[in-house]
Amino acid sequence: MPISLTWGMHDPLSEPPRAVELMNLLATTTAHLELNLVDRAGHFAHRERPAEFHRLLEGFLSRPGRATSAAPANGSAANGEEAR
């Protein structure tokens, strides 16, 4: 499963070296990884730098082989019919 981590460069709770540690751990189970370090962002990069976060997310989702939509987490189909 492809994984994209977006991490604030100034995260006081979990500094960037922790992101590298997590990437190394995830690399043991998947080869499709990316790490995006967002400058001028702390722990909530998605709120602090929303345009940058959305640009990174859209880029990740638009790459070949990435699904851009999924069935809801409860297992029902997106159109309201039962998933088979």
N, C-alpha and C. Protein backbone atom coordinates (compact mmCIF):
# COMPACT_ATOMS: atom_id res chain seq x y z
N MET A 1 0.84 -1.17 0.00
CA MET A 1 0.00 0.00 0.00
C MET A 1 0.89 1.24 0.00
N PRO A 2 0.66 2.17 -0.90
CA PRO A 2 1.44 3.41 -0.92
C PRO A 2 1.18 4.25 0.34
N ILE A 3 2.23 4.85 0.84
CA ILE A 3 2.13 5.68 2.05
C ILE A 3 2.83 7.01 1.81
N SER A 4 2.14 8.08 2.18
CA SER A 4 2.72 9.41 2.11
C SER A 4 2.62 10.04 3.50
N LEU A 5 3.76 10.43 4.05
CA LEU A 5 3.79 11.12 5.34
C LEU A 5 4.09 12.59 5.09
N THR A 6 3.31 13.45 5.71
CA THR A 6 3.56 14.89 5.64
C THR A 6 3.86 15.34 7.05
N TRP A 7 5.01 15.96 7.22
CA TRP A 7 5.55 16.25 8.55
C TRP A 7 5.97 17.71 8.63
N GLY A 8 5.61 18.40 9.70
CA GLY A 8 6.04 19.77 9.90
C GLY A 8 7.50 19.83 10.33
N MET A 9 8.26 20.69 9.69
CA MET A 9 9.69 20.83 10.02
C MET A 9 9.91 21.33 11.44
N HIS A 10 8.92 22.01 12.01
CA HIS A 10 9.06 22.59 13.34
C HIS A 10 8.09 21.97 14.32
N ASP A 11 7.85 20.67 14.17
CA ASP A 11 6.94 19.94 15.05
C ASP A 11 7.58 19.76 16.42
N PRO A 12 7.04 20.41 17.47
CA PRO A 12 7.64 20.29 18.79
C PRO A 12 7.32 18.96 19.48
N LEU A 13 6.30 18.27 19.01
CA LEU A 13 5.89 17.01 19.62
C LEU A 13 6.60 15.81 19.02
N SER A 14 6.89 15.91 17.74
CA SER A 14 7.52 14.80 17.03
C SER A 14 8.42 15.39 15.94
N GLU A 15 9.65 15.63 16.29
CA GLU A 15 10.59 16.32 15.40
C GLU A 15 10.91 15.49 14.16
N PRO A 16 11.38 16.15 13.08
CA PRO A 16 11.65 15.46 11.82
C PRO A 16 12.49 14.18 11.91
N PRO A 17 13.48 14.08 12.79
CA PRO A 17 14.20 12.80 12.86
C PRO A 17 13.27 11.62 13.18
N ARG A 18 12.18 11.88 13.89
CA ARG A 18 11.20 10.81 14.16
C ARG A 18 10.53 10.36 12.87
N ALA A 19 10.31 11.30 11.95
CA ALA A 19 9.72 10.95 10.66
C ALA A 19 10.63 9.99 9.90
N VAL A 20 11.91 10.26 9.96
CA VAL A 20 12.88 9.39 9.28
C VAL A 20 12.86 8.00 9.92
N GLU A 21 12.80 7.95 11.24
CA GLU A 21 12.71 6.66 11.94
C GLU A 21 11.46 5.90 11.51
N LEU A 22 10.33 6.61 11.42
CA LEU A 22 9.09 5.97 11.00
C LEU A 22 9.19 5.47 9.57
N MET A 23 9.78 6.26 8.70
CA MET A 23 9.96 5.83 7.31
C MET A 23 10.82 4.57 7.24
N ASN A 24 11.88 4.51 8.02
CA ASN A 24 12.73 3.32 8.04
C ASN A 24 11.96 2.11 8.52
N LEU A 25 11.11 2.29 9.51
CA LEU A 25 10.28 1.19 10.02
C LEU A 25 9.28 0.74 8.94
N LEU A 26 8.61 1.69 8.31
CA LEU A 26 7.64 1.35 7.27
C LEU A 26 8.29 0.71 6.05
N ALA A 27 9.53 1.05 5.78
CA ALA A 27 10.24 0.50 4.62
C ALA A 27 10.41 -1.01 4.72
N THR A 28 10.27 -1.56 5.90
CA THR A 28 10.38 -3.01 6.05
C THR A 28 9.13 -3.72 5.55
N THR A 29 8.02 -2.97 5.35
CA THR A 29 6.78 -3.61 4.92
C THR A 29 6.25 -3.11 3.59
N THR A 30 6.74 -1.99 3.11
CA THR A 30 6.26 -1.45 1.84
C THR A 30 7.37 -0.68 1.14
N ALA A 31 7.33 -0.71 -0.19
CA ALA A 31 8.36 -0.02 -0.97
C ALA A 31 7.86 1.32 -1.50
N HIS A 32 6.57 1.58 -1.37
CA HIS A 32 5.98 2.80 -1.94
C HIS A 32 5.76 3.83 -0.85
N LEU A 33 6.85 4.52 -0.50
CA LEU A 33 6.82 5.50 0.59
C LEU A 33 7.28 6.86 0.10
N GLU A 34 6.73 7.90 0.72
CA GLU A 34 7.27 9.22 0.50
C GLU A 34 7.12 10.01 1.79
N LEU A 35 8.08 10.89 2.01
CA LEU A 35 8.08 11.77 3.17
C LEU A 35 8.17 13.20 2.68
N ASN A 36 7.22 14.02 3.11
CA ASN A 36 7.20 15.44 2.76
C ASN A 36 7.39 16.24 4.03
N LEU A 37 8.47 17.00 4.10
CA LEU A 37 8.72 17.88 5.24
C LEU A 37 8.26 19.28 4.86
N VAL A 38 7.33 19.83 5.64
CA VAL A 38 6.74 21.12 5.34
C VAL A 38 7.40 22.20 6.19
N ASP A 39 8.04 23.15 5.52
CA ASP A 39 8.70 24.25 6.21
C ASP A 39 7.65 25.19 6.81
N ARG A 40 8.01 25.84 7.88
CA ARG A 40 7.13 26.77 8.60
C ARG A 40 5.85 26.11 9.07
N ALA A 41 5.95 24.85 9.48
CA ALA A 41 4.79 24.13 10.01
C ALA A 41 5.24 23.32 11.21
N GLY A 42 4.32 23.19 12.16
CA GLY A 42 4.58 22.40 13.35
C GLY A 42 3.85 21.07 13.27
N HIS A 43 3.17 20.69 14.36
CA HIS A 43 2.52 19.40 14.45
C HIS A 43 1.29 19.29 13.55
N PHE A 44 0.66 20.40 13.24
CA PHE A 44 -0.57 20.39 12.44
C PHE A 44 -0.32 21.02 11.07
N ALA A 45 0.58 20.42 10.31
CA ALA A 45 0.95 20.96 9.00
C ALA A 45 -0.26 21.13 8.09
N HIS A 46 -1.22 20.23 8.20
CA HIS A 46 -2.42 20.32 7.34
C HIS A 46 -3.25 21.55 7.67
N ARG A 47 -3.17 22.06 8.89
CA ARG A 47 -3.90 23.27 9.27
C ARG A 47 -3.04 24.53 9.12
N GLU A 48 -1.77 24.39 9.41
CA GLU A 48 -0.87 25.54 9.38
C GLU A 48 -0.50 25.95 7.97
N ARG A 49 -0.40 24.99 7.08
CA ARG A 49 -0.01 25.24 5.68
C ARG A 49 -0.95 24.45 4.76
N PRO A 50 -2.26 24.76 4.78
CA PRO A 50 -3.22 23.94 4.04
C PRO A 50 -2.96 23.88 2.53
N ALA A 51 -2.56 24.98 1.92
CA ALA A 51 -2.31 24.96 0.47
C ALA A 51 -1.17 24.01 0.13
N GLU A 52 -0.10 24.05 0.92
CA GLU A 52 1.04 23.16 0.70
C GLU A 52 0.63 21.71 0.93
N PHE A 53 -0.12 21.46 2.00
CA PHE A 53 -0.58 20.11 2.31
C PHE A 53 -1.44 19.56 1.16
N HIS A 54 -2.39 20.36 0.68
CA HIS A 54 -3.26 19.89 -0.40
C HIS A 54 -2.49 19.67 -1.70
N ARG A 55 -1.51 20.51 -1.98
CA ARG A 55 -0.68 20.32 -3.17
C ARG A 55 0.06 18.98 -3.09
N LEU A 56 0.62 18.68 -1.92
CA LEU A 56 1.34 17.42 -1.74
C LEU A 56 0.39 16.22 -1.83
N LEU A 57 -0.76 16.33 -1.20
CA LEU A 57 -1.73 15.24 -1.21
C LEU A 57 -2.26 14.99 -2.62
N GLU A 58 -2.62 16.05 -3.32
CA GLU A 58 -3.11 15.89 -4.69
C GLU A 58 -2.04 15.27 -5.59
N GLY A 59 -0.80 15.67 -5.40
CA GLY A 59 0.28 15.08 -6.18
C GLY A 59 0.42 13.59 -5.90
N PHE A 60 0.34 13.21 -4.64
CA PHE A 60 0.44 11.80 -4.26
C PHE A 60 -0.71 10.99 -4.86
N LEU A 61 -1.93 11.50 -4.73
CA LEU A 61 -3.10 10.76 -5.21
C LEU A 61 -3.19 10.71 -6.73
N SER A 62 -2.57 11.66 -7.42
CA SER A 62 -2.67 11.69 -8.88
C SER A 62 -1.64 10.80 -9.58
N ARG A 63 -0.70 10.25 -8.83
CA ARG A 63 0.30 9.39 -9.46
C ARG A 63 -0.34 8.09 -9.92
N PRO A 64 0.15 7.53 -11.02
CA PRO A 64 -0.40 6.26 -11.52
C PRO A 64 -0.39 5.19 -10.43
N GLY A 65 -1.49 4.44 -10.38
CA GLY A 65 -1.60 3.36 -9.41
C GLY A 65 -2.17 3.77 -8.08
N ARG A 66 -2.48 5.05 -7.90
CA ARG A 66 -3.07 5.52 -6.65
C ARG A 66 -4.57 5.66 -6.84
N ALA A 67 -5.34 5.11 -5.95
CA ALA A 67 -6.78 5.26 -5.99
C ALA A 67 -7.14 6.66 -5.51
N THR A 68 -8.06 7.33 -6.20
CA THR A 68 -8.48 8.66 -5.77
C THR A 68 -9.80 8.62 -5.04
N SER A 69 -10.43 7.46 -4.97
CA SER A 69 -11.65 7.33 -4.19
C SER A 69 -11.69 5.91 -3.64
N ALA A 70 -12.43 5.75 -2.57
CA ALA A 70 -12.52 4.44 -1.94
C ALA A 70 -13.90 4.28 -1.34
N ALA A 71 -14.27 3.05 -1.11
CA ALA A 71 -15.54 2.79 -0.43
C ALA A 71 -15.46 3.30 1.00
N PRO A 72 -16.57 3.70 1.57
CA PRO A 72 -16.56 4.15 2.97
C PRO A 72 -16.01 3.07 3.89
N ALA A 73 -15.46 3.50 5.01
CA ALA A 73 -14.80 2.58 5.94
C ALA A 73 -15.74 1.52 6.48
N ASN A 74 -17.06 1.76 6.48
CA ASN A 74 -17.98 0.77 7.03
C ASN A 74 -18.23 -0.39 6.08
N GLY A 75 -17.60 -0.35 4.90
CA GLY A 75 -17.70 -1.47 3.96
C GLY A 75 -18.82 -1.33 2.95
N SER A 76 -19.70 -0.33 3.08
CA SER A 76 -20.77 -0.17 2.10
C SER A 76 -20.21 0.51 0.86
N ALA A 77 -20.82 0.26 -0.25
CA ALA A 77 -20.36 0.85 -1.50
C ALA A 77 -20.67 2.35 -1.49
N ALA A 78 -19.90 3.11 -2.26
CA ALA A 78 -20.06 4.56 -2.30
C ALA A 78 -21.41 4.98 -2.85
N ASN A 79 -22.03 4.16 -3.70
CA ASN A 79 -23.31 4.53 -4.29
C ASN A 79 -24.50 4.09 -3.44
N GLY A 80 -24.25 3.58 -2.26
CA GLY A 80 -25.34 3.18 -1.36
C GLY A 80 -25.74 1.72 -1.47
N GLU A 81 -25.26 1.03 -2.51
CA GLU A 81 -25.56 -0.39 -2.63
C GLU A 81 -24.59 -1.19 -1.76
N GLU A 82 -24.99 -2.40 -1.45
CA GLU A 82 -24.11 -3.25 -0.66
C GLU A 82 -22.88 -3.63 -1.46
N ALA A 83 -21.74 -3.60 -0.79
CA ALA A 83 -20.49 -4.04 -1.43
C ALA A 83 -20.53 -5.55 -1.57
N ARG A 84 -20.02 -6.05 -2.67
CA ARG A 84 -20.01 -7.50 -2.90
C ARG A 84 -18.60 -8.01 -2.90
